[in-house]
Protein backbone atom coordinates (compact mmCIF):
# COMPACT_ATOMS: atom_id res chain seq x y z
CA UNK A 1 64.73 21.75 103.11
CA UNK A 2 65.51 18.32 104.20
CA UNK A 3 68.57 16.07 103.61
CA UNK A 4 66.58 14.55 100.55
CA UNK A 5 65.06 17.84 99.51
CA UNK A 6 62.55 20.65 99.84
CA UNK A 7 59.35 19.04 101.61
CA UNK A 8 56.45 21.00 99.60
CA UNK A 9 53.64 21.80 102.42
CA UNK A 10 50.99 19.33 100.61
CA UNK A 11 50.41 15.60 100.57
CA UNK A 12 49.26 13.36 98.09
CA UNK A 13 46.66 10.87 99.14
CA UNK A 14 48.60 11.05 102.31
CA UNK A 15 52.00 10.92 100.81
CA UNK A 16 54.33 13.53 101.62
CA UNK A 17 56.29 14.98 98.16
CA UNK A 18 59.66 16.38 98.34
CA UNK A 19 61.84 18.23 95.25
CA UNK A 20 65.22 17.32 95.18
CA UNK A 21 67.65 20.20 94.50
CA UNK A 22 68.69 18.82 91.23
CA UNK A 23 65.08 19.49 90.25
CA UNK A 24 65.77 23.13 90.74
CA UNK A 25 68.22 22.62 87.71
CA UNK A 26 66.71 20.11 85.40
CA UNK A 27 63.09 21.99 84.91
CA UNK A 28 64.54 24.77 83.08
CA UNK A 29 67.09 22.24 81.28
CA UNK A 30 64.10 20.41 80.19
CA UNK A 31 62.12 23.79 79.06
CA UNK A 32 65.06 24.64 76.74
CA UNK A 33 65.68 21.35 74.96
CA UNK A 34 61.85 20.86 74.47
CA UNK A 35 61.43 24.53 73.29
CA UNK A 36 64.22 24.47 71.15
CA UNK A 37 62.98 21.11 69.18
CA UNK A 38 59.55 22.61 68.80
CA UNK A 39 59.98 22.60 64.91
CA UNK A 40 61.52 18.71 65.25
CA UNK A 41 58.77 17.66 67.04
CA UNK A 42 56.03 19.49 64.73
CA UNK A 43 57.65 17.47 61.84
CA UNK A 44 56.98 14.16 63.99
CA UNK A 45 53.68 14.90 64.88
CA UNK A 46 52.77 15.52 61.11
CA UNK A 47 53.71 12.38 60.48
CA UNK A 48 51.60 11.19 63.02
CA UNK A 49 48.53 13.07 61.81
CA UNK A 50 48.47 15.75 63.90
CA UNK A 51 48.90 19.04 62.41
CA UNK A 52 50.43 22.34 64.56
CA UNK A 53 51.73 24.98 62.83
CA UNK A 54 55.25 24.78 63.66
CA UNK A 55 56.39 28.14 62.41
CA UNK A 56 54.02 30.00 64.70
CA UNK A 57 55.00 28.04 67.94
CA UNK A 58 58.96 29.04 67.10
CA UNK A 59 58.56 32.44 67.54
CA UNK A 60 59.83 34.53 70.40
CA UNK A 61 59.57 32.77 73.44
CA UNK A 62 56.78 30.44 72.51
CA UNK A 63 58.51 27.62 72.34
CA UNK A 64 60.27 27.89 75.57
CA UNK A 65 56.70 28.85 77.04
CA UNK A 66 55.67 25.33 75.69
CA UNK A 67 58.59 23.67 76.61
CA UNK A 68 58.28 24.63 80.57
CA UNK A 69 54.78 23.64 80.20
CA UNK A 70 55.74 20.08 78.61
CA UNK A 71 58.30 19.80 81.14
CA UNK A 72 55.98 20.33 84.38
CA UNK A 73 53.52 18.13 82.44
CA UNK A 74 56.21 15.43 82.15
CA UNK A 75 57.11 15.36 86.09
CA UNK A 76 53.44 15.18 87.14
CA UNK A 77 53.19 12.46 84.85
CA UNK A 78 56.35 10.89 86.75
CA UNK A 79 54.29 11.65 89.86
CA UNK A 80 51.09 9.81 88.77
CA UNK A 81 53.51 6.93 87.77
CA UNK A 82 55.12 6.84 91.26
CA UNK A 83 51.72 7.64 92.70
CA UNK A 84 50.98 3.71 91.02
CA UNK A 85 53.53 2.44 92.85
CA UNK A 86 52.71 3.77 96.19
CA UNK A 87 48.86 3.13 96.10
CA UNK A 88 49.78 -0.65 95.53
CA UNK A 89 52.12 -0.90 97.85
CA UNK A 90 49.14 0.31 100.26
CA UNK A 91 47.34 -2.72 99.12
CA UNK A 92 49.56 -5.07 100.39
CA UNK A 93 50.25 -2.85 103.64
CA UNK A 94 52.87 -0.84 102.59
CA UNK A 95 53.48 2.64 103.33
CA UNK A 96 55.51 5.18 101.34
CA UNK A 97 57.52 7.73 103.28
CA UNK A 98 57.14 9.85 100.34
CA UNK A 99 57.66 10.91 96.51
CA UNK A 100 60.31 12.82 95.64
CA UNK A 101 61.17 14.22 91.89
CA UNK A 102 64.59 14.96 91.09
CA UNK A 103 66.33 15.03 87.50
CA UNK A 104 66.25 11.47 86.34
CA UNK A 105 62.22 11.77 87.34
CA UNK A 106 61.11 10.63 90.49
CA UNK A 107 60.84 7.58 93.36
CA UNK A 108 58.22 6.61 95.81
CA UNK A 109 60.39 5.56 98.48
CA UNK A 110 58.33 2.63 100.41
CA UNK A 111 58.81 1.50 103.95
CA UNK A 112 59.73 -1.86 102.61
CA UNK A 113 59.06 -4.08 99.89
CA UNK A 114 56.20 -6.56 100.16
CA UNK A 115 57.49 -10.03 101.05
CA UNK A 116 54.34 -12.04 99.74
CA UNK A 117 55.66 -14.60 96.10
CA UNK A 118 55.52 -12.03 93.44
CA UNK A 119 53.88 -9.06 95.08
CA UNK A 120 56.85 -7.14 94.41
CA UNK A 121 56.46 -7.68 90.39
CA UNK A 122 52.64 -6.41 91.02
CA UNK A 123 53.75 -3.40 92.63
CA UNK A 124 56.39 -2.93 90.21
CA UNK A 125 54.34 -3.25 86.86
CA UNK A 126 51.73 -1.02 88.16
CA UNK A 127 53.90 2.02 87.38
CA UNK A 128 54.38 1.21 83.36
CA UNK A 129 50.76 0.26 83.17
CA UNK A 130 50.02 3.91 84.62
CA UNK A 131 52.38 5.52 82.30
CA UNK A 132 50.72 3.84 79.27
CA UNK A 133 47.23 4.38 80.37
CA UNK A 134 47.88 8.12 80.88
CA UNK A 135 49.22 7.94 77.34
CA UNK A 136 46.59 6.56 75.97
CA UNK A 137 44.17 8.86 77.52
CA UNK A 138 46.26 12.00 76.55
CA UNK A 139 45.73 10.40 73.18
CA UNK A 140 41.94 9.77 73.17
CA UNK A 141 42.00 13.88 74.17
CA UNK A 142 44.12 14.20 71.14
CA UNK A 143 41.20 12.48 68.88
CA UNK A 144 38.14 13.90 70.45
CA UNK A 145 39.02 17.72 71.41
CA UNK A 146 39.47 20.63 69.08
CA UNK A 147 42.66 22.07 70.47
CA UNK A 148 45.09 25.12 69.38
CA UNK A 149 48.38 24.07 68.05
CA UNK A 150 50.05 25.19 71.58
CA UNK A 151 47.75 22.70 73.81
CA UNK A 152 47.87 20.21 70.95
CA UNK A 153 51.68 20.09 70.98
CA UNK A 154 51.84 19.68 74.71
CA UNK A 155 49.25 17.08 74.84
CA UNK A 156 51.02 14.91 72.03
CA UNK A 157 54.78 15.19 73.80
CA UNK A 158 53.11 14.30 77.06
CA UNK A 159 51.22 11.43 75.44
CA UNK A 160 53.99 10.05 73.28
CA UNK A 161 56.24 10.58 76.35
CA UNK A 162 54.57 8.95 78.82
CA UNK A 163 54.55 5.65 76.44
CA UNK A 164 57.81 6.03 76.11
CA UNK A 165 58.10 6.16 79.71
CA UNK A 166 56.65 3.00 80.34
CA UNK A 167 58.37 1.10 77.69
CA UNK A 168 61.49 2.22 79.23
CA UNK A 169 60.86 1.50 82.71
CA UNK A 170 59.91 -2.01 81.33
CA UNK A 171 63.83 -2.78 80.67
CA UNK A 172 65.16 -5.48 83.12
CA UNK A 173 67.17 -3.66 84.93
CA UNK A 174 67.42 -2.60 88.76
CA UNK A 175 65.99 -0.52 89.89
CA UNK A 176 63.60 0.29 87.02
CA UNK A 177 60.40 -1.15 87.30
CA UNK A 178 61.19 -4.14 84.93
CA UNK A 179 64.59 -5.00 86.44
CA UNK A 180 61.90 -5.42 90.05
CA UNK A 181 59.39 -7.33 87.97
CA UNK A 182 62.25 -9.61 86.91
CA UNK A 183 63.84 -10.12 90.35
CA UNK A 184 60.30 -10.93 91.90
CA UNK A 185 59.89 -13.48 88.86
CA UNK A 186 63.08 -14.98 89.86
CA UNK A 187 62.37 -15.20 93.33
CA UNK A 188 59.35 -18.05 92.84
CA UNK A 189 62.56 -20.16 92.03
CA UNK A 190 65.55 -18.89 93.41
CA UNK A 191 66.44 -17.47 97.30
CA UNK A 192 65.68 -14.18 97.07
CA UNK A 193 69.36 -13.13 97.51
CA UNK A 194 70.15 -14.82 94.74
CA UNK A 195 67.52 -13.82 92.51
CA UNK A 196 68.43 -9.89 93.09
CA UNK A 197 72.49 -11.13 92.28
CA UNK A 198 71.17 -12.47 88.86
CA UNK A 199 68.72 -9.30 88.52
CA UNK A 200 71.68 -6.94 89.10
CA UNK A 201 74.00 -8.55 86.95
CA UNK A 202 70.90 -8.05 84.14
CA UNK A 203 71.16 -4.67 85.36
CA UNK A 204 74.76 -3.78 84.82
CA UNK A 205 75.41 -5.68 81.65
CA UNK A 206 72.22 -3.18 80.29
CA UNK A 207 73.58 -0.21 82.00
CA UNK A 208 77.15 -0.93 80.17
CA UNK A 209 75.27 -1.15 76.99
CA UNK A 210 73.34 2.01 77.38
CA UNK A 211 76.20 4.01 78.55
CA UNK A 212 78.06 2.96 75.46
CA UNK A 213 75.14 3.81 73.32
CA UNK A 214 74.78 7.07 74.86
CA UNK A 215 78.68 7.76 74.52
CA UNK A 216 78.73 6.89 70.65
CA UNK A 217 75.30 9.19 70.17
CA UNK A 218 76.58 11.77 72.20
CA UNK A 219 73.67 11.81 74.50
CA UNK A 220 75.09 12.84 78.09
CA UNK A 221 71.39 12.12 79.56
CA UNK A 222 71.39 8.44 78.45
CA UNK A 223 74.86 8.32 79.48
CA UNK A 224 73.73 9.64 83.01
CA UNK A 225 71.10 7.03 83.25
CA UNK A 226 73.64 4.25 82.22
CA UNK A 227 75.51 5.67 85.20
CA UNK A 228 72.83 5.94 87.90
CA UNK A 229 71.35 2.37 86.88
CA UNK A 230 74.74 0.78 87.12
CA UNK A 231 75.36 1.99 90.58
CA UNK A 232 71.54 1.59 91.71
CA UNK A 233 71.88 -2.05 90.37
CA UNK A 234 74.82 -2.54 92.65
CA UNK A 235 73.14 -0.87 95.55
CA UNK A 236 70.31 -3.53 95.30
CA UNK A 237 72.60 -6.30 95.40
CA UNK A 238 74.27 -4.73 98.58
CA UNK A 239 70.79 -3.60 99.87
CA UNK A 240 69.54 -7.31 99.84
CA UNK A 241 72.60 -8.54 101.14
CA UNK A 242 72.21 -6.57 104.05
CA UNK A 243 68.68 -7.36 104.62
CA UNK A 244 69.42 -11.15 104.98
CA UNK A 245 72.21 -10.28 107.32
CA UNK A 246 69.92 -8.45 109.64
CA UNK A 247 66.93 -10.64 109.30
CA UNK A 248 65.32 -11.56 112.45
CA UNK A 249 68.18 -9.59 114.83
CA UNK A 250 67.38 -6.79 116.93
CA UNK A 251 68.84 -3.09 117.36
CA UNK A 252 70.73 -4.04 121.10
CA UNK A 253 72.96 -6.68 119.27
CA UNK A 254 74.87 -3.88 117.21
CA UNK A 255 74.04 -0.56 118.69
CA UNK A 256 77.39 1.34 120.36
CA UNK A 257 76.20 1.02 124.02
CA UNK A 258 76.53 3.30 126.99
CA UNK A 259 76.78 6.88 124.65
CA UNK A 260 78.08 10.35 125.57
CA UNK A 261 75.18 12.06 126.47
CA UNK A 262 74.64 15.93 127.34
CA UNK A 263 72.37 17.58 130.04
CA UNK A 264 70.31 20.72 128.65
CA UNK A 265 72.03 22.39 131.67
CA UNK A 266 75.40 22.19 129.88
CA UNK A 267 76.86 25.89 129.02
CA UNK A 268 77.06 26.32 125.28
CA UNK A 269 80.69 26.71 125.69
CA UNK A 270 81.32 23.57 127.34
CA UNK A 271 79.13 21.73 124.69
CA UNK A 272 81.06 23.05 121.88
CA UNK A 273 84.48 21.97 123.26
CA UNK A 274 83.42 18.28 123.00
CA UNK A 275 84.56 18.39 119.59
CA UNK A 276 88.34 18.55 120.79
CA UNK A 277 87.37 15.46 122.86
CA UNK A 278 84.98 13.12 120.61
CA UNK A 279 84.59 13.91 116.87
CA UNK A 280 80.86 13.18 117.06
CA UNK A 281 78.36 15.42 114.60
CA UNK A 282 75.94 15.28 117.65
CA UNK A 283 74.81 14.33 120.67
CA UNK A 284 71.60 12.94 122.68
CA UNK A 285 70.47 15.80 125.13
CA UNK A 286 68.74 14.22 128.29
CA UNK A 287 66.90 15.61 130.82
CA UNK A 288 67.86 15.13 134.52
CA UNK A 289 66.40 11.23 134.55
CA UNK A 290 68.15 10.43 131.38
CA UNK A 291 65.30 10.45 129.19
CA UNK A 292 66.11 11.72 125.55
CA UNK A 293 64.85 15.06 124.75
CA UNK A 294 66.40 15.52 121.70
CA UNK A 295 69.50 15.93 119.85
CA UNK A 296 72.24 18.73 119.34
CA UNK A 297 74.78 19.55 116.45
CA UNK A 298 78.27 20.59 117.07
CA UNK A 299 78.06 22.40 114.07
CA UNK A 300 75.49 24.31 115.37
CA UNK A 301 76.69 25.24 118.50
CA UNK A 302 80.23 26.88 116.71
CA UNK A 303 77.45 29.39 114.94
CA UNK A 304 75.96 29.99 118.48
CA UNK A 305 76.60 32.58 120.96
CA UNK A 306 78.31 31.55 124.20
CA UNK A 307 74.76 32.61 126.44
CA UNK A 308 72.70 30.88 124.15
CA UNK A 309 70.97 27.83 126.35
CA UNK A 310 71.79 24.77 124.58
CA UNK A 311 68.07 24.29 124.48
CA UNK A 312 68.12 26.80 121.37
CA UNK A 313 69.93 24.04 119.18
CA UNK A 314 67.67 21.26 119.70
CA UNK A 315 66.49 19.39 117.27
CA UNK A 316 63.94 16.19 117.01
CA UNK A 317 65.85 12.68 117.29
CA UNK A 318 65.27 10.10 115.07
CA UNK A 319 65.24 7.33 117.98
CA UNK A 320 64.77 3.67 117.71
CA UNK A 321 64.19 1.26 120.75
CA UNK A 322 66.78 -1.33 121.57
CA UNK A 323 64.05 -4.11 120.95
CA UNK A 324 63.35 -3.17 117.62
CA UNK A 325 64.07 -5.28 114.53
CA UNK A 326 67.79 -4.10 113.21
CA UNK A 327 66.43 -4.73 109.37
CA UNK A 328 63.94 -1.68 109.37
CA UNK A 329 66.42 0.05 111.59
CA UNK A 330 68.97 -0.25 109.04
CA UNK A 331 66.32 1.33 106.64
CA UNK A 332 65.83 4.06 108.36
CA UNK A 333 69.53 4.77 109.22
CA UNK A 334 69.67 4.81 105.55
CA UNK A 335 67.11 7.76 104.88
CA UNK A 336 68.45 9.73 108.14
CA UNK A 337 69.83 13.19 108.15
CA UNK A 338 72.61 12.61 110.83
CA UNK A 339 73.66 8.95 109.76
CA UNK A 340 73.02 7.78 113.16
CA UNK A 341 69.86 7.02 115.63
CA UNK A 342 69.42 7.44 118.89
CA UNK A 343 68.49 3.77 120.89
CA UNK A 344 66.44 4.23 124.02
CA UNK A 345 64.81 1.62 126.26
CA UNK A 346 61.12 1.48 126.77
CA UNK A 347 61.12 4.35 129.37
CA UNK A 348 62.74 6.58 126.76
CA UNK A 349 66.09 6.62 128.59
CA UNK A 350 69.27 6.44 126.19
CA UNK A 351 70.77 3.46 126.36
CA UNK A 352 73.03 3.32 122.72
CA UNK A 353 73.71 4.88 119.15
CA UNK A 354 73.39 2.96 116.08
CA UNK A 355 75.20 4.43 113.43
CA UNK A 356 76.05 3.50 109.98
CA UNK A 357 79.53 2.90 111.27
CA UNK A 358 78.05 0.05 113.47
CA UNK A 359 76.13 -1.36 110.33
CA UNK A 360 79.49 -1.36 108.22
CA UNK A 361 81.30 -3.07 111.10
CA UNK A 362 78.22 -5.44 111.61
CA UNK A 363 78.52 -6.59 108.29
CA UNK A 364 82.30 -7.17 108.25
CA UNK A 365 81.57 -9.41 111.22
CA UNK A 366 78.89 -11.54 110.08
CA UNK A 367 80.13 -12.12 106.67
CA UNK A 368 84.02 -12.93 108.09
């Protein structure tokens, strides 16, 4: 398990897949919610000309097995939706670090957003188009393939839900696809930072509206979505401000230089004692020529035996060269498990640390 969730042992078209811990909670919840409403769904499907035996599907464990199947299908649909974003971004030369499924759906973690004019709108709109196309495909299956009541229920549920997913994602609120389309179109006439601020303002208004509606209708899921949209919209505005502040700057300008490094030969007891001297969560481990070989965490040392060698604590270091682009380094830092990058020179020697606190200080200085 990573700091972002459980990494699956497979990749989809070369893209790593992960499950957020919340997925383990929401999957059975969705299965129960869908299963408990099988009779209501059966009546709805009847109005659409689809006949399913609602009574038979409501007996024993059947509705909850159908609910689990439909919930798994829903998350597979979300995965296909996010894959549409990832593959479109790849056409613009932007790779995807991974796709993570979590309790509100899924997210494709792009390394960056394409900078070509209007490209963000194209990458964003492909998601709803993919969901709508999947819904239409499942609808076609319903109309042309004979199936039992259970299969008809699941396929119909997924067809309707995919269309609903497409429509919901078209809401002009960041970070939903509609919000990204709005920002991209605004950026055709406005500076990107201003376009992001306007789109962020629209996002917050819509989020408040969703939250009020969710509260009045006692819809906890909608209230959670509203909370997420409100905060994510603010985060998008802050991220754009950060991008503009660091654009064209180098890591060496903002790193903390001359960090404390530790040689592999240091005894475990001495390494553990560093906690009383400096409150750093981890330290770069170097060889005799000051070249980086990894990092070791104080928390791991506290659980280790005194006789254990420091090498037993070694983790792969998240490193960046001092001459690297600061904007890209900040994006890596945001996804970092340890919240810091080890800065090295072109020979691999440690020359600094770039932590989130360095970024905060730099932003305060640049904006003052």
